[in-house]
Amino acid sequence: MKKTKKTIVIRIEKHRKETVYSLKFIYDRDLIAICKKSKARWSSSKESWYYLKKETELDSIIGLFKHVAHLDMTAISVDRLKKSSEVAIKDKLTVEQRKHLNQFYIYLKGKRFSESTLKTYSTLIADFVFHRKDEAPIVLKTIENYVQSVLVEKNFSISGHRQFISAMKHYLVFTNSDLELDFAKVAPRKDKKLPNVLSHSEVIELIRVTKNLKHRICIALIYSSGLRIGELTSLKLRNLDLQRKMLKVESGKGRKDRYVPIAEVMIPMLQNYLTTYDPSTYLVEGYEPGQAFSAVSIRSFLGRSCKLAGITKKVTPHTLRHSYATHLLENGTDIRYIQTLLGHTRPETTMIYTHVHSQDLKKITNPLDLIVKQLEQRKKIN
């Protein structure tokens, strides 16, 4: 006779001034054992087990229990999971402004921009529309005043400022404006910051301390295949070719497909992961079957893993991609191959890694070392 799964009701609640995931279920020794092993805490007042939200991802809890119990998460709404520090810009707009911006969104969609670009451009122009004081034709001074009074005051990033100018060029065409923006003259110069790079030992330690198998797969794949975070979350099962040891990245940045190799050591890890989690559509899925994993979740557990690994550098998923490219260059891989593996359109984008990799720089004798060495030699002679 088939054993019926127990039901666990998962809620987001407040407990001792902390936000927690509470788990309620009828007494069951197996479920309690999992709770204890995963360091869940027992609340006598609430008569439930719980995990601190700041320390635990919902996806981790689901991974622990989804094969042994039915998870009832109807009490958790998407709105409660999303934090918003300020009122959404759309709530500040008039009905007419919303209609106008919706038409602009449709216009951009016709340009076949990615979902990310659509959202970014729409949000930037919505803020511009909200701050406009009149309906007079847009002139260069209008844009300059907005930049000075809003973007500069908000301490907007240089990249965000440049995105606004790009969005504005499309908006001016959409509104049939006579103004034509010269991006090179109007946009601020791009930052020439060098990316943070992890050492070989830091990469290994980061993967080692990440105990959750799904999280470990995410970190190891981003590094070993040089993926962007959006490329990882968009990977589908059909893109995985274990026999050829290749991943097909579909519609990467610039809508370009490319193949990237899978590391030999990733094969058994991936096989174990596929057997354990049994994803249905995406290679890495969220708590609902067929739903893509959240980029926010990846950034969150990556931060926790860095703390466990004792890494004090600022690390983002893109840092792993930077590290992959830099390590390839240090190993003697031709810059043209690295450009192909990363999916860069322009070789100039890849050239940044020639400024990051340290093998040639290490060969340079530091003048302080040289001075000290000369002094030591003089002492010996004397």
Protein backbone atom coordinates (compact mmCIF):
# COMPACT_ATOMS: atom_id res chain seq x y z
CA MET A 1 0.00 0.00 0.00
CA LYS A 2 1.39 3.40 -1.02
CA LYS A 3 2.29 5.61 1.93
CA THR A 4 0.48 8.98 1.95
CA LYS A 5 2.71 12.00 2.22
CA LYS A 6 2.31 14.21 5.28
CA THR A 7 1.39 17.86 4.72
CA ILE A 8 3.61 20.71 5.91
CA VAL A 9 2.07 24.18 6.03
CA ILE A 10 4.74 26.84 5.45
CA ARG A 11 4.10 30.43 6.47
CA ILE A 12 6.07 33.65 6.85
CA GLU A 13 5.60 34.90 10.41
CA LYS A 14 7.14 37.12 13.07
CA HIS A 15 8.77 35.37 16.02
CA ARG A 16 10.78 37.19 18.70
CA LYS A 17 11.07 40.24 16.42
CA GLU A 18 12.51 38.09 13.63
CA THR A 19 10.90 37.12 10.30
CA VAL A 20 10.78 33.33 10.05
CA TYR A 21 9.54 30.50 7.86
CA SER A 22 7.33 28.43 10.16
CA LEU A 23 6.57 24.76 9.45
CA LYS A 24 3.47 23.14 10.91
CA PHE A 25 2.68 19.45 10.53
CA ILE A 26 1.16 16.53 12.39
CA TYR A 27 3.74 14.80 14.60
CA ASP A 28 6.07 12.73 12.44
CA ARG A 29 9.47 11.37 13.55
CA ASP A 30 11.01 11.50 10.06
CA LEU A 31 10.04 15.13 9.50
CA ILE A 32 11.26 16.10 12.97
CA ALA A 33 14.58 14.36 12.27
CA ILE A 34 15.01 16.44 9.11
CA CYS A 35 14.18 19.62 11.05
CA LYS A 36 16.78 18.83 13.72
CA LYS A 37 19.45 17.83 11.21
CA SER A 38 18.93 21.05 9.20
CA LYS A 39 19.13 23.11 12.42
CA ALA A 40 15.53 24.26 12.45
CA ARG A 41 14.34 25.66 15.80
CA TRP A 42 11.29 24.68 17.80
CA SER A 43 8.83 27.30 19.03
CA SER A 44 6.70 26.16 21.97
CA SER A 45 4.48 29.24 21.76
CA LYS A 46 3.67 28.68 18.08
CA GLU A 47 3.97 24.89 18.27
CA SER A 48 5.95 24.79 15.07
CA TRP A 49 9.46 24.42 13.72
CA TYR A 50 10.98 27.48 12.10
CA TYR A 51 13.95 28.84 10.15
CA LEU A 52 15.15 32.45 10.29
CA LYS A 53 14.37 34.09 6.95
CA LYS A 54 17.64 36.06 6.96
CA GLU A 55 19.64 32.82 7.26
CA THR A 56 17.64 30.42 5.07
CA GLU A 57 16.31 30.43 1.52
CA LEU A 58 12.77 29.16 0.96
CA ASP A 59 14.18 27.03 -1.85
CA SER A 60 16.47 25.25 0.63
CA ILE A 61 13.53 24.32 2.85
CA ILE A 62 11.60 23.03 -0.15
CA GLY A 63 14.59 20.94 -1.22
CA LEU A 64 14.69 19.29 2.22
CA PHE A 65 11.03 18.30 2.38
CA LYS A 66 9.52 18.14 -1.13
CA HIS A 67 10.22 14.41 -1.60
CA VAL A 68 8.85 13.37 1.81
CA ALA A 69 5.88 15.69 2.30
CA HIS A 70 3.27 17.75 0.50
CA LEU A 71 4.15 21.43 0.96
CA ASP A 72 1.23 23.81 1.44
CA MET A 73 2.51 27.32 0.67
CA THR A 74 -0.78 29.03 -0.14
CA ALA A 75 -0.24 31.34 2.83
CA ILE A 76 2.92 32.72 1.23
CA SER A 77 2.05 35.32 -1.39
CA VAL A 78 4.47 36.66 -3.94
CA ASP A 79 3.82 40.18 -2.65
CA ARG A 80 4.99 39.26 0.86
CA LEU A 81 8.20 37.77 -0.49
CA LYS A 82 9.04 40.95 -2.37
CA LYS A 83 10.37 43.92 -0.42
CA SER A 84 9.89 47.43 -1.67
CA SER A 85 11.46 50.38 0.12
CA GLU A 86 9.45 52.94 -1.83
CA VAL A 87 6.15 53.23 -3.64
CA ALA A 88 6.35 51.86 -7.20
CA ILE A 89 6.68 54.66 -9.75
CA LYS A 90 3.55 53.50 -11.59
CA ASP A 91 1.47 54.27 -8.49
CA LYS A 92 2.59 57.91 -8.67
CA LEU A 93 1.51 58.42 -12.29
CA THR A 94 -1.79 59.72 -13.62
CA VAL A 95 -4.06 57.55 -15.74
CA GLU A 96 -2.98 59.41 -18.89
CA GLN A 97 0.71 59.00 -18.06
CA ARG A 98 0.21 55.26 -17.54
CA LYS A 99 -1.50 54.90 -20.91
CA HIS A 100 1.29 56.87 -22.57
CA LEU A 101 4.01 54.73 -20.95
CA ASN A 102 2.17 51.54 -21.78
CA GLN A 103 2.25 52.57 -25.46
CA PHE A 104 5.99 53.27 -25.10
CA TYR A 105 6.45 49.78 -23.62
CA ILE A 106 4.62 48.24 -26.60
CA TYR A 107 6.83 50.32 -28.92
CA LEU A 108 9.98 48.97 -27.23
CA LYS A 109 8.60 45.45 -27.36
CA GLY A 110 8.28 45.85 -31.12
CA LYS A 111 12.03 46.51 -31.16
CA ARG A 112 12.46 42.98 -29.75
CA PHE A 113 14.40 44.09 -26.68
CA SER A 114 15.01 41.58 -23.89
CA GLU A 115 12.64 41.52 -20.91
CA SER A 116 15.35 43.04 -18.75
CA THR A 117 15.90 45.97 -21.15
CA LEU A 118 12.16 46.54 -21.49
CA LYS A 119 11.80 46.81 -17.73
CA THR A 120 14.86 49.07 -17.33
CA TYR A 121 13.98 51.51 -20.12
CA SER A 122 10.31 51.68 -19.11
CA THR A 123 11.17 52.40 -15.46
CA LEU A 124 13.74 55.09 -16.35
CA ILE A 125 11.38 56.91 -18.70
CA ALA A 126 8.48 56.57 -16.23
CA ASP A 127 10.55 58.47 -13.65
CA PHE A 128 11.39 61.12 -16.24
CA VAL A 129 7.69 61.52 -17.17
CA PHE A 130 6.74 61.77 -13.50
CA HIS A 131 9.25 64.60 -12.86
CA ARG A 132 8.32 66.62 -15.98
CA LYS A 133 6.66 69.86 -14.97
CA ASP A 134 4.98 70.70 -18.26
CA GLU A 135 4.05 69.29 -21.67
CA ALA A 136 6.40 71.55 -23.63
CA PRO A 137 8.52 69.85 -26.32
CA ILE A 138 11.58 68.09 -24.94
CA VAL A 139 14.79 70.00 -25.57
CA LEU A 140 18.32 69.24 -24.44
CA LYS A 141 17.91 71.57 -21.45
CA THR A 142 14.89 69.53 -20.30
CA ILE A 143 17.05 66.40 -20.11
CA GLU A 144 19.99 68.23 -18.51
CA ASN A 145 17.72 69.69 -15.80
CA TYR A 146 16.30 66.23 -15.04
CA VAL A 147 19.79 64.73 -14.82
CA GLN A 148 21.00 67.48 -12.44
CA SER A 149 17.92 67.65 -10.24
CA VAL A 150 17.05 63.94 -10.09
CA LEU A 151 19.80 61.56 -11.19
CA VAL A 152 22.67 63.48 -9.59
CA GLU A 153 20.65 64.14 -6.42
CA LYS A 154 19.81 60.42 -6.15
CA ASN A 155 23.52 59.63 -6.64
CA PHE A 156 22.62 57.54 -9.67
CA SER A 157 25.35 55.21 -10.92
CA ILE A 158 27.26 56.05 -14.09
CA SER A 159 25.94 52.90 -15.79
CA GLY A 160 22.36 53.83 -14.79
CA HIS A 161 22.89 57.34 -16.16
CA ARG A 162 24.12 55.91 -19.47
CA GLN A 163 21.10 53.57 -19.61
CA PHE A 164 18.82 56.57 -19.12
CA ILE A 165 20.39 58.34 -22.13
CA SER A 166 19.92 55.17 -24.22
CA ALA A 167 16.28 54.92 -23.13
CA MET A 168 15.75 58.63 -23.86
CA LYS A 169 17.03 58.22 -27.45
CA HIS A 170 14.25 55.65 -28.04
CA TYR A 171 11.68 57.79 -26.22
CA LEU A 172 12.46 60.80 -28.42
CA VAL A 173 11.86 58.70 -31.55
CA PHE A 174 8.64 57.33 -30.01
CA THR A 175 7.33 60.87 -29.35
CA ASN A 176 8.37 62.12 -32.83
CA SER A 177 10.66 64.69 -31.23
CA ASP A 178 12.91 66.89 -33.38
CA LEU A 179 15.71 66.45 -30.82
CA GLU A 180 18.45 63.95 -31.64
CA LEU A 181 20.82 62.97 -28.84
CA ASP A 182 24.49 62.35 -29.50
CA PHE A 183 25.13 59.57 -27.01
CA ALA A 184 28.90 60.13 -26.93
CA LYS A 185 28.48 63.81 -26.05
CA VAL A 186 25.52 63.58 -23.65
CA ALA A 187 26.24 60.36 -21.71
CA PRO A 188 28.93 60.35 -19.01
CA ARG A 189 32.11 58.44 -19.71
CA LYS A 190 31.94 54.79 -18.73
CA ASP A 191 33.72 53.73 -15.53
CA LYS A 192 36.94 51.86 -16.16
CA LYS A 193 36.84 49.84 -12.98
CA LEU A 194 38.67 46.55 -12.86
CA PRO A 195 36.52 43.62 -11.71
CA ASN A 196 37.19 41.69 -8.52
CA VAL A 197 38.69 38.27 -9.17
CA LEU A 198 38.81 35.24 -6.86
CA SER A 199 41.93 33.13 -6.52
CA HIS A 200 41.89 29.41 -7.38
CA SER A 201 41.80 28.46 -3.69
CA GLU A 202 38.93 30.90 -3.00
CA VAL A 203 36.83 29.36 -5.79
CA ILE A 204 37.38 25.84 -4.43
CA GLU A 205 36.60 26.93 -0.86
CA LEU A 206 33.46 28.73 -2.01
CA ILE A 207 32.16 25.57 -3.69
CA ARG A 208 33.24 23.37 -0.75
CA VAL A 209 31.36 25.36 1.93
CA THR A 210 28.15 25.43 -0.14
CA LYS A 211 26.41 22.33 1.20
CA ASN A 212 23.08 22.66 -0.61
CA LEU A 213 23.49 20.69 -3.85
CA LYS A 214 21.38 23.05 -5.99
CA HIS A 215 23.28 26.07 -4.70
CA ARG A 216 26.60 24.34 -5.30
CA ILE A 217 25.57 23.55 -8.90
CA CYS A 218 24.72 27.23 -9.47
CA ILE A 219 28.07 28.51 -8.18
CA ALA A 220 30.12 25.81 -9.93
CA LEU A 221 28.32 26.26 -13.28
CA ILE A 222 28.61 30.06 -13.33
CA TYR A 223 32.34 29.79 -12.68
CA SER A 224 33.22 26.72 -14.76
CA SER A 225 31.24 27.82 -17.84
CA GLY A 226 31.57 31.59 -17.49
CA LEU A 227 27.80 32.18 -17.43
CA ARG A 228 25.92 35.39 -16.76
CA ILE A 229 23.34 34.96 -13.99
CA GLY A 230 20.46 35.41 -16.48
CA GLU A 231 21.97 32.75 -18.71
CA LEU A 232 22.06 30.29 -15.81
CA THR A 233 18.45 30.89 -14.75
CA SER A 234 17.32 30.59 -18.39
CA LEU A 235 19.11 27.28 -19.04
CA LYS A 236 16.67 24.50 -19.87
CA LEU A 237 17.19 20.76 -19.61
CA ARG A 238 17.35 20.51 -23.39
CA ASN A 239 20.41 22.82 -23.30
CA LEU A 240 22.40 20.26 -21.31
CA ASP A 241 24.46 17.73 -23.30
CA LEU A 242 26.34 15.54 -20.84
CA GLN A 243 27.68 13.22 -23.55
CA ARG A 244 29.37 16.06 -25.43
CA LYS A 245 30.05 17.89 -22.14
CA MET A 246 28.56 21.08 -23.52
CA LEU A 247 25.93 23.64 -22.55
CA LYS A 248 23.98 25.57 -25.15
CA VAL A 249 23.34 29.14 -24.04
CA GLU A 250 20.28 30.32 -25.96
CA SER A 251 19.62 34.02 -26.56
CA GLY A 252 22.42 35.30 -24.38
CA LYS A 253 23.21 39.01 -24.27
CA GLY A 254 22.61 40.48 -27.71
CA ARG A 255 20.34 37.51 -28.56
CA LYS A 256 23.35 35.36 -29.43
CA ASP A 257 23.46 31.59 -28.95
CA ARG A 258 26.74 29.93 -28.03
CA TYR A 259 28.12 26.62 -26.75
CA VAL A 260 30.23 26.52 -23.60
CA PRO A 261 32.10 23.49 -22.22
CA ILE A 262 31.18 21.70 -18.99
CA ALA A 263 34.09 20.88 -16.69
CA GLU A 264 34.87 17.17 -16.27
CA VAL A 265 34.39 17.38 -12.49
CA MET A 266 30.90 18.86 -13.04
CA ILE A 267 29.53 15.73 -14.76
CA PRO A 268 29.04 13.52 -11.65
CA MET A 269 27.80 16.55 -9.69
CA LEU A 270 25.21 17.30 -12.37
CA GLN A 271 24.11 13.66 -12.56
CA ASN A 272 23.65 13.60 -8.78
CA TYR A 273 21.72 16.88 -8.92
CA LEU A 274 19.39 15.70 -11.72
CA THR A 275 18.62 12.48 -9.82
CA THR A 276 18.00 14.34 -6.53
CA TYR A 277 15.92 17.30 -7.75
CA ASP A 278 14.42 15.87 -10.96
CA PRO A 279 13.77 19.28 -12.64
CA SER A 280 11.04 19.31 -15.30
CA THR A 281 11.81 22.28 -17.58
CA TYR A 282 14.69 24.44 -16.40
CA LEU A 283 18.03 23.02 -15.33
CA VAL A 284 17.76 24.95 -12.06
CA GLU A 285 14.17 25.45 -10.90
CA GLY A 286 12.44 27.31 -8.10
CA TYR A 287 10.07 25.83 -5.55
CA GLU A 288 7.37 25.29 -8.20
CA PRO A 289 8.07 22.68 -10.93
CA GLY A 290 8.77 24.28 -14.29
CA GLN A 291 9.51 27.68 -12.73
CA ALA A 292 12.92 29.29 -13.29
CA PHE A 293 15.13 29.80 -10.24
CA SER A 294 15.30 33.32 -8.84
CA ALA A 295 18.41 35.45 -9.48
CA VAL A 296 17.74 37.13 -6.12
CA SER A 297 18.04 33.76 -4.38
CA ILE A 298 21.37 33.06 -6.09
CA ARG A 299 22.81 36.39 -4.95
CA SER A 300 21.54 35.72 -1.45
CA PHE A 301 23.07 32.28 -0.91
CA LEU A 302 26.28 33.34 -2.69
CA GLY A 303 26.70 36.04 -0.04
CA ARG A 304 26.25 33.50 2.76
CA SER A 305 28.71 31.09 1.15
CA CYS A 306 31.31 33.86 0.88
CA LYS A 307 31.02 34.52 4.60
CA LEU A 308 31.44 30.79 5.35
CA ALA A 309 34.47 30.67 3.06
CA GLY A 310 36.01 33.69 4.78
CA ILE A 311 36.06 35.73 1.54
CA THR A 312 36.04 39.45 2.31
CA LYS A 313 36.06 40.68 -1.31
CA LYS A 314 32.83 41.99 -2.79
CA VAL A 315 31.54 38.96 -4.69
CA THR A 316 28.58 38.82 -7.07
CA PRO A 317 27.62 36.09 -9.56
CA HIS A 318 29.43 38.15 -12.21
CA THR A 319 32.62 37.96 -10.11
CA LEU A 320 32.64 34.20 -10.80
CA ARG A 321 32.41 34.90 -14.54
CA HIS A 322 35.26 37.43 -14.27
CA SER A 323 37.33 34.88 -12.36
CA TYR A 324 36.71 32.22 -15.03
CA ALA A 325 37.93 34.54 -17.80
CA THR A 326 40.96 35.72 -15.83
CA HIS A 327 42.00 32.19 -14.91
CA LEU A 328 41.70 31.13 -18.56
CA LEU A 329 43.97 33.99 -19.58
CA GLU A 330 46.49 33.14 -16.86
CA ASN A 331 46.53 29.56 -18.12
CA GLY A 332 47.56 30.78 -21.59
CA THR A 333 44.20 30.62 -23.40
CA ASP A 334 44.08 32.89 -26.46
CA ILE A 335 42.03 36.05 -25.88
CA ARG A 336 39.97 35.29 -29.04
CA TYR A 337 38.79 31.97 -27.59
CA ILE A 338 37.89 33.67 -24.31
CA GLN A 339 35.84 36.22 -26.27
CA THR A 340 33.88 33.36 -27.90
CA LEU A 341 33.37 31.50 -24.61
CA LEU A 342 32.05 34.61 -22.88
CA GLY A 343 29.82 35.62 -25.79
CA HIS A 344 31.35 39.09 -26.17
CA THR A 345 30.53 40.93 -29.40
CA ARG A 346 33.53 43.24 -29.27
CA PRO A 347 37.10 42.14 -28.48
CA GLU A 348 37.54 45.37 -26.48
CA THR A 349 35.14 44.01 -23.86
CA THR A 350 37.29 40.93 -23.36
CA MET A 351 40.52 42.93 -23.30
CA ILE A 352 39.74 44.13 -19.76
CA TYR A 353 41.00 40.77 -18.50
CA THR A 354 44.48 41.53 -19.85
CA HIS A 355 44.59 44.26 -17.16
CA VAL A 356 43.36 41.91 -14.46
CA HIS A 357 45.45 38.76 -14.86
CA SER A 358 48.54 38.80 -12.70
CA GLN A 359 51.07 36.36 -14.18
CA ASP A 360 53.10 38.98 -16.09
CA LEU A 361 52.79 41.53 -13.29
CA LYS A 362 54.25 39.05 -10.81
CA LYS A 363 57.41 38.83 -12.92
CA ILE A 364 58.14 42.52 -12.35
CA THR A 365 60.63 43.14 -9.54
CA ASN A 366 59.26 45.65 -7.07
CA PRO A 367 61.71 48.57 -6.57
CA LEU A 368 61.44 48.25 -2.78
CA ASP A 369 62.48 44.60 -2.99
CA LEU A 370 65.36 45.62 -5.25
CA ILE A 371 66.58 48.32 -2.80
CA VAL A 372 66.43 45.93 0.17
CA LYS A 373 68.27 43.26 -1.82
CA GLN A 374 71.06 45.73 -2.74
CA LEU A 375 71.43 46.82 0.89
CA GLU A 376 71.70 43.19 2.03
CA GLN A 377 74.39 42.53 -0.59
CA ARG A 378 76.38 45.59 0.58
CA LYS A 379 76.20 44.39 4.19
CA LYS A 380 77.56 41.02 3.15
CA ILE A 381 80.45 42.64 1.27
CA ASN A 382 81.27 44.92 4.24
